[in-house]
């Protein structure tokens, strides 16, 4: 089996071999080649020390405790501009359950592969000879689409507890199954996640949500007693039945909501908001004898506070926290177009922010699909979207002109009154016919000519301009409705 390897990579490995050292592609890039994915990073391992690597590549840098040297290739591709070259190494002692207490550089590729986390990441490839070193049968696991650890699973997770979340993330990203022995060890060692920094957990959590299978991954994390270490607020929804509009409990609803965001390939903020939007339904649930059903009054207000605290705990950026909290707070907006006005829509836009309004509408779609309803955008919702679009656009008016009433009064000594309004409306008609006329210079010249007309003549032109404005406005609204399929 041969693969197409970028020239930048083969030049680096080739120079190492020419200098008398071994050089193998290793880790995720080899795994991705087997799967048929384009690697995001290219890693080379060698029996050369960091100092020897830098002697071969003077334009390189070495700024870590693990021997990794960054070799600059000059490539314009961000995935190829730096090739990381790491000496073979062994590791010992993991007192903090995250990083090795001691790292030693060695001469054995087999020892280096033995320290790696999963079999699919413990394959080395000499692209020059087309030769693989695969002592843990990682190629077989790639073909079987199974994730298993190198060696004894419990030992691997005891060494580095972050591997627990990395396993969940890889399963989601690659659509692999977990080896049964590996899964059992993950459940046994889940408690070790308490030793991992919130920043590290957040980083893996982000990758899980950005994968194509967040619902499967988070559900698996819950089954293996790991979800509580990501965010203890999420498992609270398990077994919390909802009202008759929902097919799932609160937890299932959140899972299906975030999965729909992933299916639509929407951005991370929508996925995160989808996961947390109903997080406070458990504590706000009340039985209504009148409705003979559960109610969750104010869950969006309480949920915004809970979401803010949860995201702060995970050390998310202030920008992410503010936006997602705002989406959670306002996700229950009233959207019946038969009962609301444009001013109400404008108030909602002000509440959530014009820059966030479309994400809020997409969150509502995820919320709807998460109930188990098959249709994501019924007519009334499409009509509401059309109202949002209408509220966001600038209305067609004399305010669009490059000259205004104040300018005309000062420049041409015109008194306030009907003639001023007729003049502006007459100008607007001409600009609507030919937008290139909308400059201060051209309009000033036209004002001079308009002001020479009698009241009746100017009024006729002004009325014609007003009618043209109304027709144009009606045409724009018709286009909005057609785009949203509510015409």
Protein backbone atom coordinates (compact mmCIF):
# COMPACT_ATOMS: atom_id res chain seq x y z
CA UNK A 1 0.00 0.00 0.00
CA UNK A 2 1.36 3.40 -0.97
CA UNK A 3 0.15 6.90 -0.18
CA UNK A 4 0.58 10.32 -1.71
CA UNK A 5 2.87 12.17 0.68
CA UNK A 6 3.45 15.94 0.29
CA UNK A 7 6.87 16.97 -0.98
CA UNK A 8 7.49 19.07 2.14
CA UNK A 9 7.18 15.95 4.30
CA UNK A 10 9.37 13.71 2.13
CA UNK A 11 12.07 16.38 1.97
CA UNK A 12 12.28 16.49 5.79
CA UNK A 13 12.32 12.71 6.24
CA UNK A 14 14.73 12.38 3.30
CA UNK A 15 17.22 14.82 4.81
CA UNK A 16 17.18 12.93 8.09
CA UNK A 17 17.92 9.64 6.32
CA UNK A 18 20.62 11.29 4.21
CA UNK A 19 22.25 12.43 7.47
CA UNK A 20 22.33 8.82 8.67
CA UNK A 21 19.23 8.77 10.89
CA UNK A 22 16.02 6.79 10.80
CA UNK A 23 12.82 8.65 9.93
CA UNK A 24 9.20 7.45 10.07
CA UNK A 25 5.84 9.13 9.71
CA UNK A 26 3.91 8.30 12.85
CA UNK A 27 0.70 8.88 14.78
CA UNK A 28 -2.44 10.55 13.52
CA UNK A 29 -1.13 11.31 10.04
CA UNK A 30 -0.51 7.60 9.32
CA UNK A 31 -3.90 6.72 10.76
CA UNK A 32 -5.61 9.32 8.58
CA UNK A 33 -3.82 8.05 5.48
CA UNK A 34 -5.22 4.58 6.13
CA UNK A 35 -8.72 5.96 6.65
CA UNK A 36 -8.51 8.04 3.49
CA UNK A 37 -8.52 11.44 5.22
CA UNK A 38 -6.10 14.26 4.51
CA UNK A 39 -3.93 14.64 7.63
CA UNK A 40 -4.16 17.96 9.46
CA UNK A 41 -0.65 17.53 10.88
CA UNK A 42 2.42 15.62 9.78
CA UNK A 43 4.66 14.12 12.46
CA UNK A 44 7.99 12.39 11.98
CA UNK A 45 9.84 10.35 14.58
CA UNK A 46 13.55 9.62 14.45
CA UNK A 47 16.48 8.22 16.43
CA UNK A 48 18.21 11.63 16.21
CA UNK A 49 18.33 13.83 19.31
CA UNK A 50 16.86 17.37 19.24
CA UNK A 51 20.37 18.81 18.82
CA UNK A 52 21.09 16.47 15.92
CA UNK A 53 17.77 17.30 14.28
CA UNK A 54 18.55 21.02 14.50
CA UNK A 55 21.98 20.41 13.02
CA UNK A 56 20.26 18.93 9.95
CA UNK A 57 17.69 21.75 9.88
CA UNK A 58 19.25 25.04 11.03
CA UNK A 59 15.97 26.88 10.38
CA UNK A 60 14.07 25.06 13.11
CA UNK A 61 12.99 25.65 16.71
CA UNK A 62 12.90 23.59 19.89
CA UNK A 63 10.83 25.03 22.76
CA UNK A 64 9.38 22.10 24.73
CA UNK A 65 10.24 19.36 27.21
CA UNK A 66 9.43 16.47 24.89
CA UNK A 67 12.12 16.81 22.26
CA UNK A 68 9.83 17.98 19.45
CA UNK A 69 11.61 20.14 16.89
CA UNK A 70 9.59 22.31 14.52
CA UNK A 71 11.09 22.27 11.04
CA UNK A 72 10.13 25.21 8.84
CA UNK A 73 9.42 24.19 5.25
CA UNK A 74 8.45 27.52 3.71
CA UNK A 75 5.17 26.03 2.52
CA UNK A 76 2.17 28.33 2.19
CA UNK A 77 -0.09 25.53 3.45
CA UNK A 78 -0.75 25.90 7.21
CA UNK A 79 -0.68 22.09 7.61
CA UNK A 80 2.72 21.85 5.95
CA UNK A 81 4.54 25.05 6.93
CA UNK A 82 5.87 23.34 10.08
CA UNK A 83 6.72 19.63 10.22
CA UNK A 84 7.22 18.35 13.75
CA UNK A 85 10.11 15.95 14.26
CA UNK A 86 10.37 14.12 17.60
CA UNK A 87 13.08 11.76 18.80
CA UNK A 88 12.16 8.24 19.85
CA UNK A 89 11.42 8.45 23.53
CA UNK A 90 10.31 6.54 26.58
CA UNK A 91 8.21 7.87 29.44
CA UNK A 92 7.94 6.91 33.08
CA UNK A 93 5.82 7.92 36.06
CA UNK A 94 2.56 9.87 35.74
CA UNK A 95 2.08 11.23 39.24
CA UNK A 96 -0.37 13.94 38.05
CA UNK A 97 -2.23 11.46 35.79
CA UNK A 98 -1.51 13.70 32.83
CA UNK A 99 2.17 14.16 31.99
CA UNK A 100 5.14 11.81 32.38
CA UNK A 101 7.45 12.59 35.30
CA UNK A 102 10.46 11.66 33.18
CA UNK A 103 11.11 11.57 29.42
CA UNK A 104 14.19 9.88 27.96
CA UNK A 105 15.31 9.94 24.33
CA UNK A 106 16.14 6.53 22.92
CA UNK A 107 17.18 4.61 19.85
CA UNK A 108 14.26 2.17 19.63
CA UNK A 109 11.21 2.76 17.49
CA UNK A 110 9.45 -0.15 19.21
CA UNK A 111 9.85 1.54 22.61
CA UNK A 112 8.51 4.77 21.20
CA UNK A 113 5.41 3.07 19.77
CA UNK A 114 4.82 1.24 23.06
CA UNK A 115 4.22 4.53 24.91
CA UNK A 116 1.46 5.69 22.54
CA UNK A 117 -2.22 5.76 23.46
CA UNK A 118 -4.17 3.79 20.86
CA UNK A 119 -3.19 1.12 18.35
CA UNK A 120 -4.38 3.22 15.41
CA UNK A 121 -1.91 5.93 16.51
CA UNK A 122 0.98 3.48 16.99
CA UNK A 123 1.74 2.77 13.34
CA UNK A 124 5.01 4.04 11.83
CA UNK A 125 5.55 4.38 8.09
CA UNK A 126 8.76 4.68 6.11
CA UNK A 127 7.40 6.29 2.97
CA UNK A 128 10.74 5.91 1.19
CA UNK A 129 10.60 2.10 1.33
CA UNK A 130 6.82 1.77 1.70
CA UNK A 131 7.47 -0.10 4.95
CA UNK A 132 5.19 -0.18 8.03
CA UNK A 133 6.10 -0.88 11.62
CA UNK A 134 2.88 -1.96 13.36
CA UNK A 135 3.57 -4.06 16.47
CA UNK A 136 0.04 -3.57 17.91
CA UNK A 137 -1.93 -4.39 14.75
CA UNK A 138 -3.22 -0.87 14.35
CA UNK A 139 -3.88 -1.44 10.66
CA UNK A 140 -6.32 -4.22 11.52
CA UNK A 141 -8.13 -1.95 13.96
CA UNK A 142 -8.36 0.79 11.34
CA UNK A 143 -9.96 -1.67 8.90
CA UNK A 144 -12.31 -2.97 11.62
CA UNK A 145 -13.02 0.64 12.72
CA UNK A 146 -12.28 -0.22 16.34
CA UNK A 147 -10.51 1.94 18.93
CA UNK A 148 -8.40 0.08 21.48
CA UNK A 149 -5.44 1.04 23.62
CA UNK A 150 -1.85 -0.01 23.21
CA UNK A 151 -1.24 -2.63 25.87
CA UNK A 152 -3.34 -2.87 29.03
CA UNK A 153 -6.18 -0.27 28.85
CA UNK A 154 -6.29 0.47 32.59
CA UNK A 155 -2.57 1.26 32.59
CA UNK A 156 -2.91 3.64 29.63
CA UNK A 157 -5.72 5.60 31.31
CA UNK A 158 -3.96 5.59 34.66
CA UNK A 159 -0.93 7.20 33.01
CA UNK A 160 -2.84 10.00 31.29
CA UNK A 161 -6.50 10.52 32.18
CA UNK A 162 -7.02 12.90 29.28
CA UNK A 163 -6.83 9.82 27.05
CA UNK A 164 -10.32 9.01 28.33
CA UNK A 165 -11.79 12.04 26.60
CA UNK A 166 -9.48 11.64 23.63
CA UNK A 167 -10.96 8.18 23.11
CA UNK A 168 -14.49 9.60 23.12
CA UNK A 169 -13.44 12.33 20.71
CA UNK A 170 -11.73 9.92 18.28
CA UNK A 171 -14.77 7.63 18.27
CA UNK A 172 -16.93 10.65 17.34
CA UNK A 173 -14.55 12.06 14.74
CA UNK A 174 -13.76 8.74 13.05
CA UNK A 175 -17.11 6.97 13.61
CA UNK A 176 -15.31 4.03 15.23
CA UNK A 177 -16.54 1.59 17.86
CA UNK A 178 -14.89 1.19 21.28
CA UNK A 179 -13.17 -2.09 22.04
CA UNK A 180 -15.04 -3.72 24.94
CA UNK A 181 -11.99 -4.06 27.20
CA UNK A 182 -11.03 -0.45 26.49
CA UNK A 183 -14.56 0.75 27.30
CA UNK A 184 -14.60 -1.18 30.60
CA UNK A 185 -11.29 0.38 31.62
CA UNK A 186 -12.57 3.84 30.71
CA UNK A 187 -15.53 3.44 33.05
CA UNK A 188 -13.25 2.17 35.81
CA UNK A 189 -10.80 5.06 35.41
CA UNK A 190 -13.33 7.85 34.74
CA UNK A 191 -12.72 9.26 38.21
CA UNK A 192 -9.19 10.19 37.12
CA UNK A 193 -10.65 13.02 35.04
CA UNK A 194 -10.97 14.94 38.31
CA UNK A 195 -7.19 15.43 38.10
CA UNK A 196 -7.29 17.04 34.64
CA UNK A 197 -7.37 20.81 34.24
CA UNK A 198 -10.62 22.37 33.05
CA UNK A 199 -8.81 23.91 30.09
CA UNK A 200 -7.70 20.47 28.84
CA UNK A 201 -11.17 19.05 29.31
CA UNK A 202 -12.65 22.05 27.50
CA UNK A 203 -10.35 21.53 24.50
CA UNK A 204 -11.46 17.92 24.05
CA UNK A 205 -15.08 18.90 24.68
CA UNK A 206 -14.87 21.48 21.89
CA UNK A 207 -13.54 18.85 19.48
CA UNK A 208 -16.33 16.46 20.49
CA UNK A 209 -19.00 19.07 19.80
CA UNK A 210 -17.36 19.99 16.51
CA UNK A 211 -17.37 16.36 15.38
CA UNK A 212 -20.09 14.86 13.20
CA UNK A 213 -21.40 12.67 16.05
CA UNK A 214 -21.70 14.73 19.27
CA UNK A 215 -24.87 12.95 20.44
CA UNK A 216 -23.23 9.54 20.22
CA UNK A 217 -20.06 10.80 21.88
CA UNK A 218 -21.78 12.53 24.80
CA UNK A 219 -24.14 9.61 25.27
CA UNK A 220 -21.12 7.29 25.42
CA UNK A 221 -19.42 9.62 27.89
CA UNK A 222 -22.49 9.37 30.11
CA UNK A 223 -22.60 5.57 29.87
CA UNK A 224 -18.97 5.44 30.96
CA UNK A 225 -19.51 7.83 33.91
CA UNK A 226 -17.44 10.58 32.28
CA UNK A 227 -19.98 13.26 31.36
CA UNK A 228 -20.15 14.61 34.92
CA UNK A 229 -16.47 15.57 34.62
CA UNK A 230 -17.18 17.60 31.49
CA UNK A 231 -20.23 19.40 32.87
CA UNK A 232 -22.18 18.02 35.83
CA UNK A 233 -25.20 20.09 34.77
CA UNK A 234 -25.86 17.91 31.71
CA UNK A 235 -26.62 14.49 33.30
CA UNK A 236 -29.28 16.11 35.52
CA UNK A 237 -31.70 15.89 32.60
CA UNK A 238 -31.63 12.09 32.49
CA UNK A 239 -35.07 10.69 33.30
CA UNK A 240 -36.69 14.12 33.54
CA UNK A 241 -39.87 13.64 31.51
CA UNK A 242 -41.23 16.62 29.63
CA UNK A 243 -44.65 17.69 28.44
CA UNK A 244 -46.62 16.04 25.67
CA UNK A 245 -44.91 18.10 22.97
CA UNK A 246 -41.67 16.16 23.56
CA UNK A 247 -40.70 12.62 22.60
CA UNK A 248 -37.60 12.51 24.84
CA UNK A 249 -36.57 13.30 28.39
CA UNK A 250 -34.58 16.51 28.91
CA UNK A 251 -31.23 14.80 28.35
CA UNK A 252 -32.40 13.08 25.17
CA UNK A 253 -33.85 16.37 23.93
CA UNK A 254 -30.52 18.16 24.42
CA UNK A 255 -28.66 15.33 22.68
CA UNK A 256 -30.96 15.37 19.64
CA UNK A 257 -30.82 19.17 19.51
CA UNK A 258 -27.03 19.33 19.41
CA UNK A 259 -26.92 16.50 16.88
CA UNK A 260 -29.16 18.46 14.53
CA UNK A 261 -26.78 21.42 14.80
CA UNK A 262 -23.95 19.06 13.81
CA UNK A 263 -26.00 17.57 10.97
CA UNK A 264 -26.55 21.08 9.61
CA UNK A 265 -22.81 21.79 10.08
CA UNK A 266 -23.63 24.92 12.06
CA UNK A 267 -20.89 26.65 14.00
CA UNK A 268 -19.71 25.85 17.49
CA UNK A 269 -21.72 28.51 19.34
CA UNK A 270 -25.01 27.10 18.03
CA UNK A 271 -23.94 23.56 18.99
CA UNK A 272 -23.00 24.70 22.49
CA UNK A 273 -26.24 26.65 22.92
CA UNK A 274 -28.23 23.66 21.65
CA UNK A 275 -26.61 21.48 24.28
CA UNK A 276 -27.38 23.88 27.14
CA UNK A 277 -30.58 25.64 26.11
CA UNK A 278 -32.86 23.53 28.35
CA UNK A 279 -30.26 22.68 30.99
CA UNK A 280 -32.41 24.13 33.79
CA UNK A 281 -35.63 22.32 33.04
CA UNK A 282 -35.00 19.86 35.92
CA UNK A 283 -35.10 22.54 38.63
CA UNK A 284 -37.95 24.53 37.06
CA UNK A 285 -40.27 21.59 36.34
CA UNK A 286 -43.68 21.86 38.02
CA UNK A 287 -46.85 19.81 37.60
CA UNK A 288 -49.91 21.74 36.41
CA UNK A 289 -53.23 20.33 37.53
CA UNK A 290 -54.92 22.71 35.13
CA UNK A 291 -52.96 21.50 32.10
CA UNK A 292 -52.48 17.96 33.39
CA UNK A 293 -48.92 18.25 32.25
CA UNK A 294 -45.44 19.45 33.24
CA UNK A 295 -44.48 23.13 32.98
CA UNK A 296 -41.02 24.71 32.96
CA UNK A 297 -41.72 28.39 33.52
CA UNK A 298 -38.60 30.54 33.53
CA UNK A 299 -36.24 27.72 32.60
CA UNK A 300 -34.58 29.95 30.01
CA UNK A 301 -33.78 32.63 32.62
CA UNK A 302 -32.42 30.15 35.15
CA UNK A 303 -30.71 28.25 32.34
CA UNK A 304 -28.81 31.34 31.21
CA UNK A 305 -27.33 31.71 34.69
CA UNK A 306 -26.47 28.00 34.92
CA UNK A 307 -24.95 28.03 31.43
CA UNK A 308 -22.81 31.05 32.25
CA UNK A 309 -21.45 29.34 35.36
CA UNK A 310 -20.81 26.07 33.51
CA UNK A 311 -18.94 27.76 30.68
CA UNK A 312 -16.91 29.88 33.08
CA UNK A 313 -15.94 26.68 34.91
CA UNK A 314 -14.68 25.27 31.60
CA UNK A 315 -12.66 28.44 31.01
CA UNK A 316 -14.37 29.43 27.77
CA UNK A 317 -13.65 32.87 26.37
CA UNK A 318 -15.75 35.80 27.51
CA UNK A 319 -17.01 36.24 23.95
CA UNK A 320 -18.27 32.63 23.78
CA UNK A 321 -19.84 32.80 27.24
CA UNK A 322 -21.68 36.04 26.49
CA UNK A 323 -23.05 34.86 23.17
CA UNK A 324 -24.13 31.37 24.24
CA UNK A 325 -25.67 32.67 27.45
CA UNK A 326 -27.64 35.22 25.44
CA UNK A 327 -28.89 32.54 23.04
CA UNK A 328 -30.01 30.35 25.96
CA UNK A 329 -31.71 33.30 27.66
CA UNK A 330 -33.81 34.25 24.64
CA UNK A 331 -34.45 30.88 22.98
CA UNK A 332 -38.11 30.89 24.12
CA UNK A 333 -38.99 33.98 22.05
CA UNK A 334 -42.65 34.16 20.97
CA UNK A 335 -42.75 33.59 17.22
CA UNK A 336 -46.40 33.43 16.17
CA UNK A 337 -46.55 35.90 13.24
CA UNK A 338 -50.33 36.16 13.62
CA UNK A 339 -49.99 37.65 17.10
CA UNK A 340 -46.84 39.77 17.03
CA UNK A 341 -45.86 43.02 15.37
CA UNK A 342 -42.70 44.17 13.65
CA UNK A 343 -41.90 46.27 16.70
CA UNK A 344 -41.95 43.11 18.83
CA UNK A 345 -39.55 41.46 16.40
CA UNK A 346 -37.28 44.50 16.57
CA UNK A 347 -37.28 44.27 20.38
CA UNK A 348 -36.17 40.64 20.16
CA UNK A 349 -33.39 41.62 17.77
CA UNK A 350 -32.24 44.25 20.26
CA UNK A 351 -32.35 41.70 23.11
CA UNK A 352 -30.17 39.11 21.45
CA UNK A 353 -28.16 41.43 19.20
CA UNK A 354 -28.44 41.85 15.45
CA UNK A 355 -25.24 39.81 15.04
CA UNK A 356 -26.84 36.85 16.86
CA UNK A 357 -30.41 36.84 15.58
CA UNK A 358 -29.90 34.23 12.86
CA UNK A 359 -28.06 31.95 15.27
CA UNK A 360 -31.04 32.30 17.64
CA UNK A 361 -33.38 31.20 14.87
CA UNK A 362 -31.15 28.24 14.09
CA UNK A 363 -31.16 27.33 17.78
CA UNK A 364 -34.96 27.34 17.65
CA UNK A 365 -34.75 24.90 14.72
CA UNK A 366 -32.50 22.59 16.75
CA UNK A 367 -34.87 22.89 19.69
CA UNK A 368 -37.81 21.93 17.49
CA UNK A 369 -36.09 18.91 15.94
CA UNK A 370 -34.93 17.89 19.41
CA UNK A 371 -38.56 17.42 20.46
CA UNK A 372 -38.91 14.64 17.91
CA UNK A 373 -40.94 16.69 15.44
CA UNK A 374 -40.04 15.86 11.86
CA UNK A 375 -40.40 19.33 10.33
CA UNK A 376 -37.80 21.93 11.26
CA UNK A 377 -39.40 25.02 9.68
CA UNK A 378 -43.21 25.03 9.61
CA UNK A 379 -45.02 27.90 7.88
CA UNK A 380 -45.38 30.10 10.97
CA UNK A 381 -41.65 29.89 11.68
CA UNK A 382 -40.80 30.73 8.07
CA UNK A 383 -43.15 33.71 8.34
CA UNK A 384 -41.36 34.85 11.50
CA UNK A 385 -38.01 34.61 9.67
CA UNK A 386 -39.45 36.83 6.96
CA UNK A 387 -40.47 39.34 9.64
CA UNK A 388 -36.93 39.29 11.05
CA UNK A 389 -35.50 39.93 7.61
CA UNK A 390 -37.95 42.78 7.14
CA UNK A 391 -37.09 44.27 10.52
CA UNK A 392 -33.36 44.12 9.76
CA UNK A 393 -33.46 45.83 6.41
CA UNK A 394 -33.42 49.60 6.07
CA UNK A 395 -36.83 50.80 4.89
CA UNK A 396 -36.93 52.63 1.58
CA UNK A 397 -37.19 56.28 2.50
CA UNK A 398 -35.75 59.72 1.90
CA UNK A 399 -33.26 58.85 4.62
CA UNK A 400 -31.38 56.91 1.93
CA UNK A 401 -30.59 60.12 0.04
CA UNK A 402 -27.14 61.69 0.19
CA UNK A 403 -28.76 65.06 0.95
CA UNK A 404 -31.31 65.64 3.69
CA UNK A 405 -33.77 68.35 4.66
CA UNK A 406 -31.29 70.21 6.85
CA UNK A 407 -28.78 70.36 4.00
CA UNK A 408 -31.37 71.70 1.56
CA UNK A 409 -32.63 74.34 4.01
CA UNK A 410 -29.12 75.61 4.77
CA UNK A 411 -27.76 75.45 1.24
CA UNK A 412 -30.78 76.75 -0.66
CA UNK A 413 -32.41 78.87 2.08
CA UNK A 414 -35.61 76.85 2.02
CA UNK A 415 -38.15 77.27 4.81
CA UNK A 416 -39.60 74.19 6.54
CA UNK A 417 -42.87 73.17 4.92
CA UNK A 418 -44.53 71.03 2.22
CA UNK A 419 -42.13 72.12 -0.54
CA UNK A 420 -39.22 70.57 1.35
CA UNK A 421 -41.02 67.21 1.61
CA UNK A 422 -42.11 67.28 -2.04
CA UNK A 423 -38.53 67.98 -3.10
CA UNK A 424 -37.12 65.07 -1.10
CA UNK A 425 -39.76 62.67 -2.44
CA UNK A 426 -39.08 63.82 -6.01
CA UNK A 427 -35.37 63.17 -5.51
CA UNK A 428 -36.13 59.72 -4.08
CA UNK A 429 -38.11 58.73 -7.19
CA UNK A 430 -35.14 59.55 -9.43
CA UNK A 431 -32.69 57.69 -7.19
CA UNK A 432 -34.93 54.60 -7.11
CA UNK A 433 -34.91 54.62 -10.92
CA UNK A 434 -31.16 55.20 -11.12
CA UNK A 435 -29.15 54.68 -7.87
CA UNK A 436 -26.04 56.18 -9.51
CA UNK A 437 -27.69 59.59 -9.13
CA UNK A 438 -27.43 59.38 -5.34
CA UNK A 439 -24.50 61.70 -4.85
CA UNK A 440 -24.45 65.06 -3.10
CA UNK A 441 -23.24 66.84 -6.21
CA UNK A 442 -25.90 65.47 -8.59
CA UNK A 443 -28.74 65.80 -6.09
CA UNK A 444 -27.76 69.40 -5.26
CA UNK A 445 -28.05 70.30 -8.93
CA UNK A 446 -31.46 68.64 -9.14
CA UNK A 447 -32.66 70.47 -6.01
CA UNK A 448 -31.88 73.78 -7.71
CA UNK A 449 -34.09 72.85 -10.66
CA UNK A 450 -36.90 71.43 -8.50
CA UNK A 451 -37.09 74.55 -6.36
CA UNK A 452 -37.80 76.61 -9.47
CA UNK A 453 -41.10 74.75 -10.01
CA UNK A 454 -44.48 75.95 -8.86
CA UNK A 455 -46.17 74.37 -5.84
CA UNK A 456 -48.50 72.30 -8.02
CA UNK A 457 -45.70 71.06 -10.26
CA UNK A 458 -43.44 70.20 -7.31
CA UNK A 459 -46.30 68.52 -5.45
CA UNK A 460 -47.06 66.32 -8.46
CA UNK A 461 -43.45 65.18 -8.63
CA UNK A 462 -43.35 64.62 -4.85
CA UNK A 463 -46.54 62.53 -4.90
CA UNK A 464 -45.14 60.46 -7.77
CA UNK A 465 -41.97 59.87 -5.74
CA UNK A 466 -44.01 58.78 -2.72
CA UNK A 467 -45.98 56.33 -4.85
CA UNK A 468 -42.76 54.97 -6.34
CA UNK A 469 -41.36 54.47 -2.82
CA UNK A 470 -44.47 52.53 -1.74
CA UNK A 471 -44.32 50.32 -4.84
CA UNK A 472 -40.63 49.61 -4.31
CA UNK A 473 -41.18 48.81 -0.64
CA UNK A 474 -43.98 46.39 -1.52
CA UNK A 475 -41.74 44.70 -4.11
CA UNK A 476 -38.92 44.24 -1.58
CA UNK A 477 -41.28 42.67 0.98
CA UNK A 478 -42.64 40.32 -1.69
CA UNK A 479 -39.10 39.14 -2.43
CA UNK A 480 -38.47 38.52 1.29
CA UNK A 481 -41.61 36.42 1.56
CA UNK A 482 -40.71 34.45 -1.56
CA UNK A 483 -37.24 33.69 -0.19
CA UNK A 484 -38.82 32.33 2.97
CA UNK A 485 -41.54 30.45 1.06
CA UNK A 486 -44.40 32.37 2.66
CA UNK A 487 -45.53 34.34 -0.38
